[in-house]
Protein backbone atom coordinates (compact mmCIF):
# COMPACT_ATOMS: atom_id res chain seq x y z
CA MET A 1 -18.99 18.06 -23.11
CA ALA A 2 -19.03 13.99 -23.11
CA MET A 3 -19.58 12.88 -19.25
CA HIS A 4 -18.19 9.74 -18.16
CA LYS A 5 -18.94 7.56 -14.82
CA ILE A 6 -15.58 6.49 -13.54
CA THR A 7 -14.89 3.83 -10.84
CA LEU A 8 -11.78 4.58 -8.73
CA THR A 9 -10.55 3.48 -5.24
CA ILE A 10 -8.63 7.27 -5.21
CA ASN A 11 -6.92 6.91 -0.73
CA GLY A 12 -8.09 3.53 -0.46
CA GLU A 13 -12.14 4.96 -0.86
CA HIS A 14 -14.90 4.05 -3.88
CA GLU A 15 -15.46 6.50 -5.64
CA VAL A 16 -17.60 6.60 -9.09
CA VAL A 17 -17.61 10.32 -10.39
CA ASP A 18 -19.10 11.52 -13.35
CA VAL A 19 -15.81 13.46 -15.35
CA PRO A 20 -15.90 15.80 -18.88
CA SER A 21 -13.57 13.38 -21.44
CA GLN A 22 -11.58 15.88 -21.26
CA TRP A 23 -10.57 16.58 -17.25
CA THR A 24 -7.16 15.38 -16.43
CA LEU A 25 -6.29 13.83 -13.08
CA LEU A 26 -5.61 17.12 -11.64
CA GLN A 27 -9.00 18.37 -12.44
CA MET A 28 -11.09 15.56 -11.07
CA LEU A 29 -9.30 15.24 -8.04
CA ARG A 30 -9.36 19.56 -7.27
CA GLU A 31 -12.79 20.06 -8.67
CA LYS A 32 -15.27 17.31 -7.92
CA LEU A 33 -13.41 15.22 -5.40
CA ALA A 34 -12.39 18.74 -3.47
CA LEU A 35 -8.43 16.77 -2.72
CA THR A 36 -6.99 20.26 -2.96
CA GLY A 37 -4.18 18.56 -1.61
CA THR A 38 -2.85 18.35 -4.74
CA LYS A 39 -1.12 21.04 -6.73
CA ASN A 40 -1.84 22.21 -10.28
CA GLY A 41 2.21 23.73 -11.21
CA CYS A 42 2.32 24.34 -14.68
CA THR A 43 -0.16 22.05 -16.56
CA THR A 44 2.81 20.94 -18.92
CA GLY A 45 3.79 17.79 -16.02
CA GLU A 46 7.47 20.09 -16.07
CA CYS A 47 7.34 20.93 -12.12
CA GLY A 48 5.01 17.48 -10.63
CA ALA A 49 3.16 19.37 -8.12
CA CYS A 50 0.41 17.19 -8.93
CA THR A 51 2.20 13.93 -8.73
CA VAL A 52 0.29 11.54 -7.30
CA MET A 53 -0.03 7.48 -7.49
CA LEU A 54 -1.09 5.65 -9.89
CA ASN A 55 -1.14 2.25 -9.48
CA GLY A 56 0.99 3.11 -7.18
CA ALA A 57 3.71 4.95 -9.35
CA PRO A 58 4.01 8.74 -9.22
CA VAL A 59 2.66 10.32 -12.62
CA ASN A 60 1.97 13.92 -13.43
CA SER A 61 -1.90 14.08 -12.49
CA CYS A 62 -1.98 17.32 -14.86
CA MET A 63 -1.20 15.20 -18.19
CA VAL A 64 -3.21 11.76 -17.15
CA LEU A 65 -7.34 12.40 -18.26
CA ALA A 66 -9.75 10.98 -15.88
CA VAL A 67 -11.15 8.55 -17.79
CA GLU A 68 -7.77 6.61 -18.28
CA CYS A 69 -8.24 6.49 -14.75
CA ASP A 70 -11.31 3.82 -14.46
CA GLY A 71 -11.04 1.13 -12.14
CA ALA A 72 -7.57 2.31 -10.86
CA GLU A 73 -6.55 2.98 -7.46
CA ILE A 74 -4.97 6.58 -7.06
CA VAL A 75 -3.04 7.63 -3.69
CA THR A 76 -3.48 11.28 -2.94
CA VAL A 77 -1.47 13.37 -0.32
CA GLU A 78 -4.18 13.64 1.82
CA GLY A 79 -3.33 9.03 1.49
CA LEU A 80 -0.42 9.52 3.43
CA ALA A 81 -1.44 9.60 6.93
CA HIS A 82 -3.56 6.93 8.73
CA ASP A 83 -5.72 7.08 11.67
CA GLY A 84 -3.69 10.91 12.67
CA GLN A 85 -0.79 9.95 12.34
CA LEU A 86 1.13 11.80 9.38
CA ASP A 87 3.19 9.38 7.23
CA PRO A 88 7.10 8.91 8.21
CA VAL A 89 7.67 10.96 5.45
CA GLN A 90 6.07 13.64 6.45
CA ASP A 91 7.27 13.97 9.57
CA ALA A 92 10.87 13.16 8.31
CA LEU A 93 10.56 16.56 5.75
CA ILE A 94 9.32 18.69 8.80
CA GLU A 95 12.03 17.76 10.95
CA ALA A 96 14.68 18.20 8.41
CA GLY A 97 13.08 21.40 7.38
CA GLY A 98 11.99 20.13 3.67
CA VAL A 99 9.28 22.16 3.69
CA GLN A 100 8.99 26.20 2.82
CA CYS A 101 6.48 27.56 0.77
CA GLY A 102 4.26 24.04 0.68
CA PHE A 103 3.47 24.17 -3.17
CA CYS A 104 6.04 21.64 -4.20
CA THR A 105 5.96 19.29 -0.98
CA PRO A 106 2.97 17.43 -2.06
CA GLY A 107 4.23 16.20 -4.97
CA VAL A 108 7.67 15.47 -3.04
CA LEU A 109 5.93 13.18 -0.61
CA ILE A 110 4.22 11.13 -3.25
CA SER A 111 7.50 11.22 -5.36
CA ALA A 112 8.94 9.94 -1.87
CA ARG A 113 6.61 7.82 -0.59
CA ALA A 114 6.84 5.90 -4.38
CA LEU A 115 10.24 5.44 -4.20
CA LEU A 116 10.45 4.00 -0.67
CA ASP A 117 8.06 1.78 -0.86
CA ARG A 118 9.74 0.13 -3.70
CA ASN A 119 13.18 0.73 -2.41
CA PRO A 120 13.13 1.08 1.30
CA ASP A 121 16.47 2.14 1.33
CA PRO A 122 17.52 4.28 -1.31
CA SER A 123 21.39 5.73 -1.74
CA GLU A 124 21.26 9.76 -2.15
CA LYS A 125 21.85 8.93 -5.87
CA GLU A 126 18.74 6.98 -5.90
CA ILE A 127 16.79 9.68 -4.41
CA GLN A 128 17.71 12.24 -6.71
CA ASP A 129 16.66 10.64 -9.60
CA ALA A 130 12.94 9.44 -7.87
CA LEU A 131 12.70 13.43 -6.89
CA VAL A 132 13.94 14.83 -10.31
CA GLY A 133 10.70 15.98 -11.60
CA ASN A 134 9.96 18.01 -8.80
CA LEU A 135 10.76 21.62 -8.86
CA CYS A 136 11.48 22.83 -5.35
CA ARG A 137 12.44 26.70 -5.50
CA CYS A 138 12.39 27.27 -1.79
CA THR A 139 14.58 24.37 -0.65
CA GLY A 140 17.44 23.61 -2.91
CA TYR A 141 16.56 20.28 -2.59
CA VAL A 142 19.69 19.98 0.46
CA ARG A 143 16.92 19.95 3.06
CA ILE A 144 14.63 18.07 1.06
CA ILE A 145 17.11 15.14 0.33
CA GLU A 146 17.83 14.71 4.48
CA GLY A 147 14.14 13.84 4.95
CA VAL A 148 13.95 11.21 2.17
CA LYS A 149 16.80 10.00 4.25
CA GLN A 150 15.72 10.47 7.37
CA ALA A 151 12.39 8.93 6.35
CA ALA A 152 14.37 5.56 5.01
CA LYS A 153 16.25 5.25 8.26
CA LEU A 154 12.23 4.74 9.95
């Protein structure tokens, strides 16, 4: 198994990681860096539980090879909070009741944060479009969308 040394920034921290050629970004985050907030839902890019920001854009980390991330900037759900304060999206989703089992929540939060970073005042349709790749089996999305709307007002 060929190993590759990659350098990247994860949640603002410089990291140098040795990874096997075939490992995904998801595997590297969970197995090498113990960033287990990013969930392994389907490994086929269908559910969005593994969504992280790669150079500012949301991606399914199960579909990106870790070696492709050399030099990249990654933000995981662990990187949303700062100085012990939750990101406004995290607070708003909790307040709106948009969090139930929590399995999809990390991907939803990353997708929502990416949307609000590029569009601080999205319409409901834009929120729905941004979350289309995040499957939730618990909430029915109404409360998730309400949470994103609340976060946009903050």
